[in-house]
Amino acid sequence: MAEQASQTTTIAASPERVWAIAADFERYTEWAKDVKDVVVRARDGEGRPTEVEFRASALGRSTHYTLSYDYSQAPNVLAWSLVRGDIMSTIDGAYVFTAMNDGGTEVRYDLVIELVVPLPGFVKRRAEVRILNTVRELKARAEA
C-alpha cells in the first residue's frame, strides 16, 4: 500500500532561487544529506533534466532509483514519478512553489511512495521523516 506524505514550509528566498536549487539535481549531493550520487540520464530540448538517477541512503542501506521529471507546470510545480527503483515500486511527488507577498516562497512537498517489501509502521515513519527532511535542507540551502 502506498504511503502519502506532505510538508509545507516558508522559505525566505524568491521562487526563482528556490526553483533553481530544486531543479539543479546535479548539486543535490551538496545539500541533500541522504543523496549520495546523481546522474542525469536524459534532458529535454531546453536542456532540463527529464530522467535522473539517484543513489541515496535509505533504511540503513544504499538505494538506487530513477525519476522522470515533468516541467509542464514550471515554474510553479516540479513533479516527478518513478521510472525504476530497487526497493520502491512508486515514488510520485512534486514541489509546489507559491510566491509570498514578502518576496519569499511557500513550498509544499507532496510524496507518494510504495516499497517493494512491506515494512513495519515505525520503520515507515522513520523513513518518512528522513525524506521530508529534504524540505528543511532545501530551505537551509535557499536561505544561505
N, C-alpha and C. Protein backbone atom coordinates (compact mmCIF):
# COMPACT_ATOMS: atom_id res chain seq x y z
N MET A 1 0.84 -1.18 0.00
CA MET A 1 0.00 0.00 0.00
C MET A 1 0.88 1.24 0.00
N ALA A 2 0.55 2.18 -0.84
CA ALA A 2 1.33 3.41 -0.96
C ALA A 2 1.13 4.30 0.26
N GLU A 3 2.21 4.92 0.68
CA GLU A 3 2.18 5.88 1.78
C GLU A 3 2.24 7.28 1.20
N GLN A 4 1.49 8.21 1.79
CA GLN A 4 1.48 9.59 1.33
C GLN A 4 1.98 10.49 2.44
N ALA A 5 2.73 11.52 2.03
CA ALA A 5 3.23 12.50 2.98
C ALA A 5 3.24 13.85 2.30
N SER A 6 3.09 14.88 3.09
CA SER A 6 3.13 16.24 2.57
C SER A 6 3.70 17.14 3.65
N GLN A 7 4.46 18.12 3.23
CA GLN A 7 5.01 19.09 4.16
C GLN A 7 5.06 20.45 3.47
N THR A 8 4.72 21.49 4.21
CA THR A 8 4.75 22.85 3.69
C THR A 8 5.64 23.69 4.57
N THR A 9 6.45 24.53 3.93
CA THR A 9 7.31 25.43 4.67
C THR A 9 7.42 26.75 3.91
N THR A 10 7.79 27.79 4.62
CA THR A 10 8.03 29.10 4.01
C THR A 10 9.53 29.33 3.98
N ILE A 11 10.02 29.74 2.82
CA ILE A 11 11.44 29.97 2.62
C ILE A 11 11.66 31.45 2.32
N ALA A 12 12.62 32.05 3.01
CA ALA A 12 12.94 33.47 2.82
C ALA A 12 13.87 33.63 1.63
N ALA A 13 13.36 33.27 0.46
CA ALA A 13 14.09 33.41 -0.80
C ALA A 13 13.05 33.46 -1.92
N SER A 14 13.42 34.05 -3.02
CA SER A 14 12.48 34.19 -4.14
C SER A 14 12.12 32.83 -4.73
N PRO A 15 10.94 32.74 -5.34
CA PRO A 15 10.57 31.49 -6.01
C PRO A 15 11.59 31.08 -7.07
N GLU A 16 12.18 32.05 -7.75
CA GLU A 16 13.16 31.75 -8.79
C GLU A 16 14.40 31.07 -8.19
N ARG A 17 14.84 31.56 -7.03
CA ARG A 17 16.01 30.96 -6.37
C ARG A 17 15.68 29.55 -5.88
N VAL A 18 14.53 29.39 -5.27
CA VAL A 18 14.13 28.08 -4.74
C VAL A 18 13.98 27.08 -5.89
N TRP A 19 13.34 27.51 -6.97
CA TRP A 19 13.20 26.65 -8.15
C TRP A 19 14.57 26.23 -8.68
N ALA A 20 15.47 27.20 -8.81
CA ALA A 20 16.79 26.92 -9.36
C ALA A 20 17.52 25.85 -8.55
N ILE A 21 17.39 25.91 -7.24
CA ILE A 21 18.05 24.91 -6.38
C ILE A 21 17.35 23.56 -6.52
N ALA A 22 16.03 23.56 -6.48
CA ALA A 22 15.27 22.30 -6.55
C ALA A 22 15.47 21.59 -7.89
N ALA A 23 15.66 22.35 -8.96
CA ALA A 23 15.78 21.75 -10.30
C ALA A 23 17.23 21.47 -10.69
N ASP A 24 18.18 21.82 -9.84
CA ASP A 24 19.61 21.58 -10.12
C ASP A 24 20.02 20.26 -9.47
N PHE A 25 19.56 19.17 -10.04
CA PHE A 25 19.73 17.84 -9.44
C PHE A 25 21.19 17.46 -9.25
N GLU A 26 22.04 17.89 -10.16
CA GLU A 26 23.45 17.51 -10.09
C GLU A 26 24.15 18.09 -8.86
N ARG A 27 23.52 19.06 -8.19
CA ARG A 27 24.12 19.64 -6.99
C ARG A 27 23.44 19.16 -5.71
N TYR A 28 22.48 18.25 -5.81
CA TYR A 28 21.79 17.75 -4.62
C TYR A 28 22.77 17.17 -3.59
N THR A 29 23.84 16.57 -4.05
CA THR A 29 24.79 15.97 -3.10
C THR A 29 25.43 17.02 -2.21
N GLU A 30 25.37 18.30 -2.59
CA GLU A 30 25.93 19.38 -1.80
C GLU A 30 25.03 19.77 -0.63
N TRP A 31 23.73 19.49 -0.72
CA TRP A 31 22.83 19.97 0.33
C TRP A 31 21.80 18.95 0.82
N ALA A 32 21.49 17.95 0.05
CA ALA A 32 20.52 16.92 0.49
C ALA A 32 21.31 15.77 1.11
N LYS A 33 21.31 15.71 2.42
CA LYS A 33 22.19 14.81 3.18
C LYS A 33 22.13 13.35 2.74
N ASP A 34 20.95 12.84 2.43
CA ASP A 34 20.82 11.42 2.11
C ASP A 34 21.15 11.10 0.65
N VAL A 35 21.28 12.11 -0.20
CA VAL A 35 21.60 11.88 -1.61
C VAL A 35 23.11 11.74 -1.74
N LYS A 36 23.55 10.60 -2.23
CA LYS A 36 24.98 10.31 -2.31
C LYS A 36 25.54 10.47 -3.73
N ASP A 37 24.70 10.28 -4.75
CA ASP A 37 25.16 10.41 -6.13
C ASP A 37 23.97 10.71 -7.03
N VAL A 38 24.22 11.51 -8.07
CA VAL A 38 23.17 11.88 -9.02
C VAL A 38 23.76 11.81 -10.42
N VAL A 39 23.01 11.17 -11.33
CA VAL A 39 23.41 11.12 -12.74
C VAL A 39 22.20 11.50 -13.58
N VAL A 40 22.36 12.54 -14.39
CA VAL A 40 21.29 12.93 -15.31
C VAL A 40 21.38 12.00 -16.52
N ARG A 41 20.31 11.26 -16.78
CA ARG A 41 20.27 10.27 -17.86
C ARG A 41 19.67 10.82 -19.15
N ALA A 42 18.81 11.86 -19.05
CA ALA A 42 18.17 12.42 -20.25
C ALA A 42 17.79 13.87 -19.97
N ARG A 43 17.78 14.67 -21.04
CA ARG A 43 17.39 16.08 -20.96
C ARG A 43 16.37 16.38 -22.06
N ASP A 44 15.57 17.42 -21.82
CA ASP A 44 14.62 17.84 -22.84
C ASP A 44 15.29 18.83 -23.80
N GLY A 45 14.53 19.37 -24.73
CA GLY A 45 15.06 20.29 -25.73
C GLY A 45 15.60 21.58 -25.15
N GLU A 46 15.19 21.91 -23.92
CA GLU A 46 15.69 23.12 -23.25
C GLU A 46 16.86 22.81 -22.33
N GLY A 47 17.32 21.57 -22.33
CA GLY A 47 18.46 21.18 -21.50
C GLY A 47 18.11 20.82 -20.07
N ARG A 48 16.82 20.78 -19.75
CA ARG A 48 16.40 20.43 -18.38
C ARG A 48 16.43 18.92 -18.19
N PRO A 49 16.92 18.47 -17.03
CA PRO A 49 16.95 17.02 -16.78
C PRO A 49 15.53 16.44 -16.75
N THR A 50 15.31 15.40 -17.53
CA THR A 50 14.00 14.75 -17.55
C THR A 50 14.05 13.35 -16.94
N GLU A 51 15.24 12.75 -16.89
CA GLU A 51 15.39 11.45 -16.25
C GLU A 51 16.68 11.50 -15.42
N VAL A 52 16.52 11.30 -14.12
CA VAL A 52 17.65 11.46 -13.20
C VAL A 52 17.74 10.23 -12.31
N GLU A 53 18.96 9.66 -12.24
CA GLU A 53 19.21 8.50 -11.38
C GLU A 53 19.86 8.99 -10.08
N PHE A 54 19.34 8.50 -8.98
CA PHE A 54 19.84 8.86 -7.65
C PHE A 54 20.36 7.62 -6.94
N ARG A 55 21.40 7.83 -6.13
CA ARG A 55 21.81 6.84 -5.13
C ARG A 55 21.68 7.55 -3.81
N ALA A 56 20.94 6.96 -2.88
CA ALA A 56 20.66 7.62 -1.61
C ALA A 56 20.72 6.63 -0.46
N SER A 57 20.90 7.17 0.74
CA SER A 57 20.82 6.37 1.95
C SER A 57 19.35 6.16 2.27
N ALA A 58 18.99 4.94 2.57
CA ALA A 58 17.59 4.64 2.92
C ALA A 58 17.54 3.41 3.80
N LEU A 59 16.97 3.56 4.97
CA LEU A 59 16.73 2.43 5.85
C LEU A 59 18.01 1.65 6.13
N GLY A 60 19.11 2.36 6.33
CA GLY A 60 20.35 1.73 6.69
C GLY A 60 21.10 1.10 5.54
N ARG A 61 20.70 1.38 4.33
CA ARG A 61 21.40 0.84 3.16
C ARG A 61 21.39 1.87 2.05
N SER A 62 22.04 1.54 0.95
CA SER A 62 22.06 2.40 -0.21
C SER A 62 20.98 1.94 -1.17
N THR A 63 20.26 2.87 -1.76
CA THR A 63 19.22 2.54 -2.71
C THR A 63 19.46 3.32 -4.01
N HIS A 64 19.03 2.74 -5.11
CA HIS A 64 19.11 3.40 -6.42
C HIS A 64 17.70 3.54 -6.96
N TYR A 65 17.42 4.70 -7.54
CA TYR A 65 16.14 4.91 -8.20
C TYR A 65 16.30 5.98 -9.26
N THR A 66 15.47 5.89 -10.28
CA THR A 66 15.48 6.85 -11.37
C THR A 66 14.12 7.50 -11.45
N LEU A 67 14.12 8.83 -11.50
CA LEU A 67 12.88 9.60 -11.57
C LEU A 67 12.76 10.31 -12.91
N SER A 68 11.54 10.43 -13.36
CA SER A 68 11.21 11.20 -14.55
C SER A 68 10.58 12.51 -14.10
N TYR A 69 11.07 13.64 -14.62
CA TYR A 69 10.60 14.96 -14.20
C TYR A 69 9.69 15.58 -15.25
N ASP A 70 8.65 16.26 -14.76
CA ASP A 70 7.63 16.89 -15.59
C ASP A 70 7.68 18.39 -15.35
N TYR A 71 7.96 19.14 -16.41
CA TYR A 71 8.07 20.60 -16.32
C TYR A 71 6.84 21.30 -16.89
N SER A 72 5.74 20.59 -17.11
CA SER A 72 4.57 21.18 -17.77
C SER A 72 3.94 22.31 -16.97
N GLN A 73 4.17 22.37 -15.65
CA GLN A 73 3.62 23.44 -14.83
C GLN A 73 4.71 24.35 -14.26
N ALA A 74 5.90 24.29 -14.87
CA ALA A 74 7.03 25.11 -14.41
C ALA A 74 6.70 26.60 -14.61
N PRO A 75 7.16 27.47 -13.75
CA PRO A 75 7.98 27.24 -12.57
C PRO A 75 7.19 27.11 -11.27
N ASN A 76 5.90 26.81 -11.36
CA ASN A 76 5.09 26.68 -10.15
C ASN A 76 5.12 25.28 -9.55
N VAL A 77 5.33 24.27 -10.39
CA VAL A 77 5.33 22.89 -9.91
C VAL A 77 6.46 22.13 -10.60
N LEU A 78 7.21 21.40 -9.80
CA LEU A 78 8.22 20.47 -10.31
C LEU A 78 7.78 19.09 -9.85
N ALA A 79 7.28 18.29 -10.79
CA ALA A 79 6.71 16.99 -10.45
C ALA A 79 7.60 15.86 -10.96
N TRP A 80 7.49 14.70 -10.31
CA TRP A 80 8.28 13.55 -10.71
C TRP A 80 7.51 12.26 -10.49
N SER A 81 7.99 11.22 -11.18
CA SER A 81 7.45 9.87 -10.99
C SER A 81 8.58 8.87 -11.18
N LEU A 82 8.41 7.72 -10.59
CA LEU A 82 9.43 6.68 -10.63
C LEU A 82 9.49 6.02 -12.00
N VAL A 83 10.71 5.90 -12.52
CA VAL A 83 10.96 5.12 -13.73
C VAL A 83 11.35 3.70 -13.32
N ARG A 84 12.29 3.61 -12.38
CA ARG A 84 12.71 2.31 -11.84
C ARG A 84 13.40 2.54 -10.50
N GLY A 85 13.33 1.52 -9.66
CA GLY A 85 13.96 1.60 -8.35
C GLY A 85 14.19 0.22 -7.80
N ASP A 86 15.15 0.10 -6.89
CA ASP A 86 15.46 -1.22 -6.36
C ASP A 86 14.59 -1.62 -5.16
N ILE A 87 14.17 -0.66 -4.34
CA ILE A 87 13.32 -1.02 -3.20
C ILE A 87 11.96 -0.34 -3.24
N MET A 88 11.71 0.50 -4.25
CA MET A 88 10.44 1.20 -4.37
C MET A 88 9.71 0.78 -5.64
N SER A 89 8.41 0.70 -5.56
CA SER A 89 7.60 0.46 -6.76
C SER A 89 6.90 1.74 -7.19
N THR A 90 6.85 2.71 -6.29
CA THR A 90 6.25 4.02 -6.60
C THR A 90 7.01 5.10 -5.86
N ILE A 91 7.35 6.17 -6.54
CA ILE A 91 7.77 7.43 -5.92
C ILE A 91 7.22 8.52 -6.83
N ASP A 92 6.09 9.04 -6.48
CA ASP A 92 5.49 10.13 -7.23
C ASP A 92 5.42 11.32 -6.30
N GLY A 93 5.72 12.49 -6.82
CA GLY A 93 5.68 13.65 -5.96
C GLY A 93 5.82 14.94 -6.72
N ALA A 94 5.87 16.02 -5.95
CA ALA A 94 6.01 17.35 -6.54
C ALA A 94 6.41 18.35 -5.48
N TYR A 95 7.17 19.34 -5.93
CA TYR A 95 7.35 20.57 -5.19
C TYR A 95 6.34 21.55 -5.79
N VAL A 96 5.58 22.23 -4.94
CA VAL A 96 4.66 23.27 -5.40
C VAL A 96 5.16 24.58 -4.81
N PHE A 97 5.50 25.54 -5.68
CA PHE A 97 6.09 26.81 -5.27
C PHE A 97 5.05 27.92 -5.40
N THR A 98 4.85 28.68 -4.32
CA THR A 98 3.91 29.80 -4.32
C THR A 98 4.63 31.06 -3.83
N ALA A 99 4.59 32.10 -4.64
CA ALA A 99 5.22 33.36 -4.25
C ALA A 99 4.45 33.99 -3.10
N MET A 100 5.19 34.51 -2.14
CA MET A 100 4.59 35.19 -0.99
C MET A 100 4.70 36.71 -1.20
N ASN A 101 3.83 37.46 -0.54
CA ASN A 101 3.85 38.93 -0.67
C ASN A 101 5.15 39.55 -0.19
N ASP A 102 5.84 38.89 0.74
CA ASP A 102 7.08 39.44 1.29
C ASP A 102 8.31 39.08 0.46
N GLY A 103 8.11 38.45 -0.70
CA GLY A 103 9.22 38.08 -1.56
C GLY A 103 9.72 36.67 -1.33
N GLY A 104 9.21 36.02 -0.30
CA GLY A 104 9.59 34.64 -0.01
C GLY A 104 8.77 33.65 -0.83
N THR A 105 8.94 32.39 -0.49
CA THR A 105 8.28 31.32 -1.22
C THR A 105 7.69 30.30 -0.25
N GLU A 106 6.45 29.94 -0.49
CA GLU A 106 5.87 28.81 0.22
C GLU A 106 6.11 27.58 -0.65
N VAL A 107 6.66 26.54 -0.04
CA VAL A 107 6.94 25.30 -0.76
C VAL A 107 6.15 24.18 -0.10
N ARG A 108 5.37 23.49 -0.92
CA ARG A 108 4.69 22.28 -0.45
C ARG A 108 5.34 21.10 -1.16
N TYR A 109 5.72 20.12 -0.38
CA TYR A 109 6.37 18.91 -0.88
C TYR A 109 5.39 17.77 -0.69
N ASP A 110 4.92 17.21 -1.79
CA ASP A 110 3.98 16.09 -1.75
C ASP A 110 4.70 14.84 -2.23
N LEU A 111 4.43 13.72 -1.57
CA LEU A 111 5.10 12.48 -1.92
C LEU A 111 4.18 11.29 -1.71
N VAL A 112 4.19 10.40 -2.69
CA VAL A 112 3.53 9.10 -2.58
C VAL A 112 4.62 8.07 -2.84
N ILE A 113 4.81 7.17 -1.89
CA ILE A 113 5.88 6.18 -2.02
C ILE A 113 5.33 4.81 -1.63
N GLU A 114 5.74 3.82 -2.41
CA GLU A 114 5.38 2.44 -2.08
C GLU A 114 6.64 1.59 -2.23
N LEU A 115 6.93 0.85 -1.20
CA LEU A 115 8.10 -0.01 -1.20
C LEU A 115 7.75 -1.39 -1.75
N VAL A 116 8.74 -2.05 -2.30
CA VAL A 116 8.54 -3.39 -2.85
C VAL A 116 8.20 -4.37 -1.73
N VAL A 117 8.88 -4.23 -0.59
CA VAL A 117 8.65 -5.10 0.56
C VAL A 117 7.98 -4.29 1.67
N PRO A 118 6.87 -4.77 2.23
CA PRO A 118 6.21 -4.04 3.31
C PRO A 118 7.13 -3.91 4.53
N LEU A 119 7.04 -2.77 5.19
CA LEU A 119 7.83 -2.51 6.39
C LEU A 119 6.91 -2.24 7.57
N PRO A 120 7.41 -2.49 8.79
CA PRO A 120 6.63 -2.14 9.98
C PRO A 120 6.37 -0.63 10.02
N GLY A 121 5.28 -0.24 10.64
CA GLY A 121 4.88 1.16 10.72
C GLY A 121 5.95 2.09 11.25
N PHE A 122 6.64 1.69 12.33
CA PHE A 122 7.64 2.59 12.92
C PHE A 122 8.81 2.81 11.97
N VAL A 123 9.15 1.82 11.15
CA VAL A 123 10.24 1.98 10.18
C VAL A 123 9.79 2.93 9.06
N LYS A 124 8.54 2.77 8.62
CA LYS A 124 7.99 3.67 7.60
C LYS A 124 8.00 5.11 8.08
N ARG A 125 7.58 5.32 9.32
CA ARG A 125 7.53 6.69 9.86
C ARG A 125 8.93 7.30 9.94
N ARG A 126 9.89 6.50 10.34
CA ARG A 126 11.28 6.99 10.41
C ARG A 126 11.79 7.35 9.01
N ALA A 127 11.47 6.53 8.03
CA ALA A 127 11.87 6.82 6.65
C ALA A 127 11.18 8.07 6.13
N GLU A 128 9.90 8.23 6.46
CA GLU A 128 9.15 9.42 6.03
C GLU A 128 9.78 10.69 6.59
N VAL A 129 10.17 10.68 7.84
CA VAL A 129 10.80 11.85 8.45
C VAL A 129 12.07 12.21 7.70
N ARG A 130 12.87 11.21 7.36
CA ARG A 130 14.13 11.48 6.64
C ARG A 130 13.85 12.04 5.26
N ILE A 131 12.84 11.52 4.57
CA ILE A 131 12.51 12.03 3.24
C ILE A 131 12.03 13.48 3.33
N LEU A 132 11.18 13.76 4.31
CA LEU A 132 10.67 15.12 4.45
C LEU A 132 11.74 16.10 4.92
N ASN A 133 12.85 15.60 5.47
CA ASN A 133 13.97 16.47 5.82
C ASN A 133 14.50 17.21 4.60
N THR A 134 14.27 16.67 3.41
CA THR A 134 14.70 17.33 2.19
C THR A 134 14.14 18.74 2.09
N VAL A 135 12.94 18.95 2.57
CA VAL A 135 12.34 20.29 2.53
C VAL A 135 13.12 21.24 3.44
N ARG A 136 13.49 20.79 4.63
CA ARG A 136 14.28 21.62 5.53
C ARG A 136 15.67 21.90 4.94
N GLU A 137 16.23 20.91 4.28
CA GLU A 137 17.54 21.10 3.66
C GLU A 137 17.46 22.07 2.47
N LEU A 138 16.37 21.99 1.71
CA LEU A 138 16.15 22.95 0.63
C LEU A 138 16.03 24.37 1.19
N LYS A 139 15.29 24.51 2.27
CA LYS A 139 15.12 25.81 2.92
C LYS A 139 16.48 26.37 3.36
N ALA A 140 17.28 25.54 4.02
CA ALA A 140 18.59 25.99 4.50
C ALA A 140 19.47 26.42 3.33
N ARG A 141 19.44 25.66 2.25
CA ARG A 141 20.26 26.00 1.08
C ARG A 141 19.81 27.31 0.45
N ALA A 142 18.49 27.49 0.29
CA ALA A 142 17.96 28.69 -0.36
C ALA A 142 18.17 29.94 0.48
N GLU A 143 18.15 29.78 1.80
CA GLU A 143 18.29 30.95 2.68
C GLU A 143 19.76 31.27 2.99
N ALA A 144 20.67 30.41 2.59
CA ALA A 144 22.10 30.63 2.88
C ALA A 144 22.67 31.77 2.05
